[in-house]
Protein backbone atom coordinates (compact mmCIF):
# COMPACT_ATOMS: atom_id res chain seq x y z
CA MET A 1 47.88 11.00 10.60
CA LEU A 2 45.22 12.57 9.29
CA ARG A 3 45.67 15.48 6.38
CA LEU A 4 43.64 17.90 4.68
CA CYS A 5 44.98 18.35 1.54
CA MET A 6 43.08 22.31 0.62
CA THR A 7 43.25 24.11 -2.12
CA THR A 8 45.91 26.93 -0.80
CA GLY A 9 48.51 23.90 -0.83
CA MET A 10 48.43 23.79 2.91
CA ALA A 11 47.44 21.36 4.97
CA LEU A 12 46.36 20.44 8.64
CA PHE A 13 48.06 17.86 10.83
CA LEU A 14 46.38 18.13 13.36
CA SER A 15 46.04 13.86 13.96
CA LEU A 16 42.67 14.26 15.76
CA ALA A 17 40.17 12.12 14.83
CA PRO A 18 39.92 7.98 15.86
CA ALA A 19 40.27 5.75 13.17
CA HIS A 20 36.63 4.97 13.02
CA ALA A 21 35.49 8.69 12.57
CA GLU A 22 33.85 9.43 9.52
CA PRO A 23 36.24 11.76 6.99
CA VAL A 24 36.44 15.63 7.65
CA PHE A 25 34.25 17.61 5.71
CA GLY A 26 31.31 15.54 5.09
CA ALA A 27 30.02 19.18 4.63
CA SER A 28 30.28 20.62 1.12
CA ALA A 29 33.06 20.99 -0.93
CA ARG A 30 32.57 24.79 -0.91
CA SER A 31 32.84 24.74 2.54
CA LYS A 32 36.23 22.95 2.84
CA GLU A 33 37.28 25.73 0.01
CA ALA A 34 35.90 28.45 2.99
CA VAL A 35 37.68 27.04 5.10
CA SER A 36 41.33 26.56 3.21
CA LEU A 37 40.76 30.29 2.35
CA TRP A 38 40.17 31.44 5.68
CA LEU A 39 43.34 29.39 7.08
CA GLY A 40 45.08 30.91 4.63
CA SER A 41 44.71 34.16 4.55
CA ALA A 42 44.21 34.02 9.10
CA TRP A 43 47.98 32.20 8.58
CA ARG A 44 49.20 35.66 6.75
CA ASP A 45 47.55 37.65 9.01
CA TYR A 46 49.26 35.99 11.81
CA THR A 47 52.80 36.11 10.45
CA SER A 48 52.79 39.46 9.10
CA ARG A 49 50.86 40.73 12.40
CA HIS A 50 52.68 38.78 15.18
CA MET A 51 55.79 37.84 14.06
CA THR A 52 59.63 39.41 13.12
CA PRO A 53 61.48 38.52 10.10
CA GLU A 54 64.06 36.87 12.26
CA GLY A 55 61.25 34.27 13.51
CA ALA A 56 60.30 35.77 17.17
CA VAL A 57 56.75 35.63 17.99
CA ILE A 58 55.73 38.60 19.31
CA ASP A 59 52.73 39.32 22.53
CA ASP A 60 51.55 42.64 21.08
CA ALA A 61 49.53 42.69 24.83
CA ASN A 62 51.92 41.59 26.95
CA GLU A 63 54.51 44.81 26.50
CA GLY A 64 56.05 42.84 23.00
CA ILE A 65 57.55 40.20 24.68
CA SER A 66 58.12 37.03 23.26
CA HIS A 67 57.72 33.62 25.26
CA SER A 68 58.33 30.01 24.99
CA GLU A 69 54.61 29.25 24.93
CA GLY A 70 54.09 32.04 21.66
CA GLN A 71 57.48 30.43 19.84
CA GLY A 72 55.50 26.56 20.49
CA TYR A 73 51.82 27.91 19.40
CA GLY A 74 53.53 29.25 16.41
CA MET A 75 55.61 26.40 15.42
CA VAL A 76 52.96 23.77 16.35
CA LEU A 77 50.64 26.50 13.61
CA ALA A 78 53.08 26.52 10.66
CA VAL A 79 53.15 22.44 10.74
CA ALA A 80 49.47 22.90 10.85
CA VAL A 81 49.47 24.54 7.42
CA ASP A 82 52.25 22.93 5.90
CA ASP A 83 54.52 25.86 6.01
CA ARG A 84 57.71 24.66 6.62
CA GLU A 85 59.90 27.69 6.36
CA THR A 86 58.38 29.82 8.59
CA PHE A 87 58.49 26.76 10.99
CA LYS A 88 62.05 26.29 10.68
CA LEU A 89 62.23 30.33 11.22
CA ILE A 90 60.58 30.13 14.59
CA ARG A 91 62.38 26.68 15.68
CA ASP A 92 65.55 28.33 14.82
CA TYR A 93 65.39 31.53 16.91
CA THR A 94 63.63 29.63 19.13
CA TYR A 95 66.48 27.27 19.84
CA GLU A 96 68.91 30.16 19.89
CA ASN A 97 68.09 32.78 21.79
CA LEU A 98 65.62 30.79 24.55
CA GLN A 99 67.71 28.11 25.00
CA VAL A 100 69.91 29.31 27.26
CA ARG A 101 69.42 27.40 30.10
CA LYS A 102 71.56 24.35 31.86
CA ASP A 103 69.64 21.85 30.56
CA HIS A 104 67.44 21.76 27.34
CA LEU A 105 64.51 23.87 28.36
CA PHE A 106 63.72 26.87 26.73
CA ALA A 107 63.76 30.09 29.03
CA TRP A 108 60.03 31.85 29.06
CA LYS A 109 60.54 35.42 29.10
CA VAL A 110 62.96 37.16 26.03
CA LEU A 111 62.19 41.03 25.73
CA HIS A 112 63.28 43.06 22.46
CA THR A 113 65.62 45.81 22.69
CA PRO A 114 67.53 48.20 20.33
CA GLU A 115 70.54 45.80 20.76
CA GLY A 116 68.83 42.10 20.29
CA PRO A 117 66.80 39.60 21.96
CA ASN A 118 67.59 39.76 25.80
CA VAL A 119 66.31 37.09 28.27
CA ALA A 120 64.45 38.33 30.47
CA ASP A 121 63.49 35.24 32.84
CA THR A 122 65.55 31.78 32.81
CA ASN A 123 63.09 30.04 34.52
CA ASN A 124 60.97 27.71 32.02
CA ALA A 125 57.40 27.58 31.25
CA THR A 126 56.21 23.99 30.82
CA ASP A 127 53.08 24.81 28.58
CA GLY A 128 56.01 26.18 26.26
CA ASP A 129 58.31 23.43 26.09
CA LEU A 130 55.29 20.78 25.87
CA LEU A 131 54.19 22.63 22.97
CA ILE A 132 58.24 23.13 21.37
CA ALA A 133 58.12 19.45 21.75
CA TRP A 134 54.68 18.82 19.65
CA ALA A 135 55.93 20.81 17.39
CA LEU A 136 58.98 18.89 16.50
CA ILE A 137 56.87 15.65 16.45
CA GLU A 138 54.70 16.91 14.07
CA ALA A 139 57.34 18.58 11.90
CA TYR A 140 58.71 15.17 12.27
CA LYS A 141 55.44 13.13 11.37
CA SER A 142 55.34 16.30 8.36
CA TRP A 143 58.82 16.26 6.64
CA GLY A 144 60.22 13.07 8.17
CA ASP A 145 63.74 15.53 9.54
CA PRO A 146 64.96 12.43 12.25
CA GLU A 147 66.67 15.72 13.52
CA ASP A 148 63.43 17.30 15.00
CA LEU A 149 62.15 13.77 16.45
CA ALA A 150 65.56 13.42 18.52
CA SER A 151 65.47 17.25 19.15
CA ALA A 152 61.82 16.82 20.49
CA LYS A 153 62.91 13.95 22.92
CA VAL A 154 66.02 15.64 24.49
CA VAL A 155 63.45 18.42 25.57
CA LEU A 156 61.43 15.69 26.77
CA ALA A 157 63.39 13.75 28.89
CA ASP A 158 64.20 16.97 30.51
CA ILE A 159 60.58 17.56 30.69
CA ALA A 160 60.34 14.30 32.69
CA ALA A 161 63.78 14.39 35.09
CA THR A 162 62.61 18.51 35.95
CA LEU A 163 58.71 19.22 35.69
CA LEU A 164 57.19 15.75 36.58
CA GLN A 165 55.99 16.01 40.32
CA GLN A 166 55.14 12.91 42.11
CA THR A 167 51.77 13.63 44.46
CA ALA A 168 49.08 11.91 45.82
CA LEU A 169 47.26 11.95 42.54
CA GLY A 170 49.97 10.40 40.88
CA PRO A 171 52.62 13.04 38.62
CA VAL A 172 51.65 16.06 37.71
CA LEU A 173 53.36 18.60 35.44
CA VAL A 174 54.97 21.51 37.74
CA PRO A 175 54.58 24.79 36.07
CA GLY A 176 57.76 25.51 35.74
CA SER A 177 61.74 24.58 37.23
CA GLU A 178 61.53 26.82 40.15
CA GLY A 179 59.09 28.52 42.12
CA PHE A 180 55.80 25.89 42.56
CA VAL A 181 56.83 23.29 44.89
CA SER A 182 56.74 24.50 48.56
CA GLY A 183 59.99 23.98 50.89
CA ASP A 184 58.91 20.90 52.58
CA HIS A 185 57.64 19.65 49.32
CA GLN A 186 54.04 19.05 50.82
CA THR A 187 52.73 21.58 48.07
CA VAL A 188 52.57 22.08 44.83
CA THR A 189 51.27 24.55 42.30
CA VAL A 190 49.54 23.64 39.07
CA ASN A 191 47.87 25.07 36.57
CA PRO A 192 45.12 23.35 34.72
CA SER A 193 45.88 24.88 31.37
CA TYR A 194 49.36 23.17 30.99
CA TRP A 195 48.02 19.88 30.86
CA VAL A 196 47.85 20.45 26.54
CA TYR A 197 45.90 17.15 25.82
CA PRO A 198 46.43 17.09 22.39
CA ALA A 199 50.10 17.38 22.57
CA LEU A 200 50.28 14.55 25.30
CA GLU A 201 48.89 12.06 23.50
CA THR A 202 51.06 12.60 20.42
CA ILE A 203 54.04 12.89 22.49
CA ALA A 204 53.06 9.92 24.11
CA GLU A 205 53.72 7.74 21.01
CA PHE A 206 57.14 8.64 20.38
CA ASP A 207 58.22 9.06 23.15
CA THR A 208 59.19 6.65 26.62
CA SER A 209 61.04 8.72 29.12
CA ALA A 210 57.80 9.65 31.14
CA ASN A 211 54.50 7.62 30.92
CA TRP A 212 52.57 10.60 29.25
CA GLY A 213 49.12 8.88 29.07
CA GLU A 214 49.25 8.60 32.83
CA VAL A 215 50.15 12.25 33.05
CA ALA A 216 47.11 12.78 31.03
CA VAL A 217 44.45 11.06 33.22
CA VAL A 218 46.12 12.27 35.83
CA GLY A 219 45.63 16.22 34.41
CA GLU A 220 41.48 15.22 33.97
CA ASP A 221 42.03 14.17 37.56
CA VAL A 222 43.50 18.01 38.79
CA LEU A 223 40.51 19.81 36.16
CA ASP A 224 38.01 17.75 37.81
CA LEU A 225 39.04 18.02 41.69
CA SER A 226 39.10 22.11 40.71
CA GLN A 227 36.06 22.11 39.01
CA ARG A 228 33.92 23.51 42.20
CA ALA A 229 30.43 25.34 43.25
CA PRO A 230 29.45 27.37 42.61
CA SER A 231 30.90 28.11 39.01
CA TYR A 232 32.50 24.72 38.30
CA LEU A 233 34.94 26.21 36.86
CA PRO A 234 38.65 25.72 37.16
CA PRO A 235 40.56 28.32 38.90
CA ASP A 236 43.92 29.27 36.41
CA TRP A 237 46.53 27.73 39.83
CA VAL A 238 45.26 25.51 42.02
CA ASP A 239 47.42 24.50 44.98
CA ILE A 240 47.62 20.58 45.60
CA GLY A 241 48.64 19.37 49.26
CA GLY A 242 47.82 15.50 49.99
CA LEU A 243 44.43 14.84 48.17
CA LYS A 244 43.29 18.10 48.50
CA LEU A 245 42.61 20.92 45.70
CA VAL A 246 41.83 23.99 46.75
CA PRO A 247 42.85 27.53 44.18
CA SER A 248 46.19 29.10 45.07
CA ASP A 249 46.92 31.92 47.28
CA LYS A 250 49.50 32.57 46.00
CA PHE A 251 47.66 33.79 42.67
CA THR A 252 43.93 36.38 42.18
CA PRO A 253 41.80 32.68 42.39
CA GLU A 254 39.74 32.91 39.65
CA PHE A 255 38.78 31.79 36.23
CA GLY A 256 40.53 33.45 33.57
CA TYR A 257 43.18 33.76 30.50
CA ASN A 258 45.05 30.79 31.38
CA ALA A 259 41.81 28.38 31.92
CA ILE A 260 40.23 29.18 29.18
CA ARG A 261 42.28 27.24 27.20
CA VAL A 262 41.33 23.97 29.10
CA PRO A 263 37.85 23.24 26.57
CA LEU A 264 39.86 24.08 23.83
CA TYR A 265 42.78 21.24 24.65
CA LEU A 266 39.95 18.85 25.73
CA ALA A 267 38.44 19.39 22.42
CA LEU A 268 41.06 18.66 20.74
CA SER A 269 42.26 15.62 22.20
CA ARG A 270 41.43 12.26 19.95
CA ASN A 271 40.09 10.87 23.62
CA ALA A 272 35.93 10.53 23.80
CA LEU A 273 35.68 11.10 27.60
CA ARG A 274 37.68 14.92 27.29
CA VAL A 275 36.02 15.61 24.51
CA LYS A 276 32.54 15.17 26.09
CA LYS A 277 34.31 17.48 29.22
CA ALA A 278 34.94 20.18 26.35
CA ALA A 279 31.22 19.70 25.92
CA ASP A 280 30.12 19.97 29.44
CA PHE A 281 31.95 23.56 29.63
CA SER A 282 28.79 24.97 27.43
CA THR A 283 26.69 24.69 30.40
CA LEU A 284 29.36 26.63 32.41
CA ARG A 285 28.63 30.45 33.79
CA GLY A 286 29.61 32.71 30.83
CA PHE A 287 29.86 29.97 28.13
CA ALA A 288 26.43 30.66 27.01
CA ASP A 289 26.99 34.83 27.06
CA PRO A 290 27.58 36.03 23.23
CA ARG A 291 29.78 38.37 24.82
CA GLY A 292 32.02 35.54 25.43
CA PRO A 293 33.22 33.84 28.80
CA SER A 294 34.47 36.27 32.16
CA VAL A 295 37.00 36.07 34.20
CA THR A 296 35.74 34.42 36.86
CA GLN A 297 35.80 34.41 40.65
CA ILE A 298 36.21 31.26 42.06
CA VAL A 299 35.21 31.22 45.84
CA THR A 300 31.93 33.45 45.01
CA GLY A 301 31.61 32.76 41.27
CA GLU A 302 30.96 37.01 40.82
CA PRO A 303 32.42 37.75 37.44
CA LYS A 304 34.35 39.93 37.10
CA SER A 305 34.89 41.32 33.47
CA VAL A 306 34.48 39.76 29.61
CA MET A 307 36.88 37.86 27.85
CA GLY A 308 35.33 39.95 24.77
CA GLY A 309 38.23 38.82 22.19
CA ILE A 310 37.28 36.86 19.14
CA GLY A 311 39.43 33.44 20.44
CA PHE A 312 37.89 33.71 23.99
CA ARG A 313 34.33 33.79 22.12
CA ALA A 314 35.55 30.87 19.72
CA ILE A 315 36.31 28.52 22.21
CA ALA A 316 32.60 29.24 23.72
CA ALA A 317 31.11 29.01 21.20
CA LEU A 318 32.68 25.64 19.82
CA THR A 319 31.59 24.20 23.04
CA ARG A 320 28.03 25.39 22.32
CA CYS A 321 28.33 23.36 19.09
CA MET A 322 29.68 20.16 20.08
CA ASP A 323 26.69 19.91 23.43
CA LYS A 324 23.94 21.55 21.55
CA ALA A 325 25.10 21.59 18.03
CA GLU A 326 24.72 25.65 17.14
CA PRO A 327 26.33 26.68 14.85
CA PHE A 328 29.55 28.59 14.77
CA PRO A 329 29.12 32.06 14.65
CA SER A 330 30.32 34.26 11.22
CA GLU A 331 31.66 36.61 12.92
CA LEU A 332 34.21 34.86 14.80
CA LEU A 333 36.35 34.26 11.10
CA GLN A 334 36.92 37.84 11.28
CA ILE A 335 40.19 38.19 11.01
CA GLY A 336 43.28 40.99 11.83
CA THR A 337 41.63 42.83 15.15
CA ASP A 338 42.94 41.08 18.01
CA ASP A 339 46.13 40.63 19.62
CA TYR A 340 48.67 37.35 19.58
CA TYR A 341 46.94 35.42 22.16
CA SER A 342 43.43 36.48 21.25
CA THR A 343 44.29 35.36 17.91
CA THR A 344 46.22 32.60 18.40
CA LEU A 345 42.98 30.45 19.96
CA GLN A 346 40.98 31.64 17.03
CA ILE A 347 42.95 29.74 14.39
CA PHE A 348 43.59 26.64 17.05
CA THR A 349 39.35 26.85 17.24
CA ILE A 350 38.68 26.70 13.45
CA LEU A 351 41.17 24.15 13.40
CA ALA A 352 39.81 21.78 15.29
CA ILE A 353 36.31 22.78 13.70
CA ALA A 354 38.21 22.06 10.47
CA GLU A 355 39.36 18.41 11.42
CA ARG A 356 36.93 16.58 14.46
CA TYR A 357 33.56 19.19 13.80
CA PRO A 358 32.57 20.19 10.71
CA GLN A 359 29.32 20.13 12.05
CA CYS A 360 29.40 22.95 13.29
CA LEU A 361 30.13 25.52 10.33
CA SER A 362 27.40 27.32 9.41
CA PRO A 363 25.74 27.84 5.56
CA GLU A 364 27.21 31.00 5.69
CA TRP A 365 30.63 29.59 5.22
């Protein structure tokens, strides 16, 4: 595990660097301290604006709901900043209020009512389940509680049993247990951003309920086959039928707020080829625009609206730094302005820079 002790008493956990990598923060001690202070401030802001005292992470751009994705992100970030108390709070809320299915997966959507939390949809979201399992494994690695590892393995066994669908490409992650496989089992709808590569890589080291390494490789194949002219941006949703991949007709055929996470997850990978794929996004439509990438119609390649949030712009800026050595813009460090989703992606991007890409730190840090 790569751990960076910081002046605020926090630590980064992301096991991202290969064994031969140079130490992080070959940059200045001043840069190290600046990132440390930023992460401390960002986490305090995040928990104050996007989390309840009970441990629910609130999606304030989505009618104030909580969902398994948000709970998973919150748990991962809590481990990343060595905040065990908050990790336990989010973990316990998640188990008490979202693990209400007959299996060990998590209901994806919880409403907050005067009477208390109310599960609005018991279908799971596979990326949320993966994030939660990843966070539990990282918690075990950081703090050594075997119950966290055991809990992760139970979740992963049900992901393997319920959410892996064999296709001509190999095993793919079905986004949820209901609604994504056709009645004749000939077509599977998938979401390329549900392949959380750093999660799958870590899970593969601790769990054998599935060949998680193969699952990750198939995710790359899905991504490659879905990136087509004119934009070469991946769609949010893809239908797989045999070896044919097309934008799903169940959703608007666009690159949008789901697929924007793909280059971030690739950048967080320990696999050099995946890192190269992340850098390659810098050349795609909209990723050079300082306003941020655009929601883009996949069939025509026409941009529809700019994703102007700091988190989305941060991901694009990271790809430009990785590919073209552009310094990361200091204005993308602003805290306290964006909603839950954009802020979450912003913090994950800064964690990636801190652990893997210190060359992206501008002198202004």
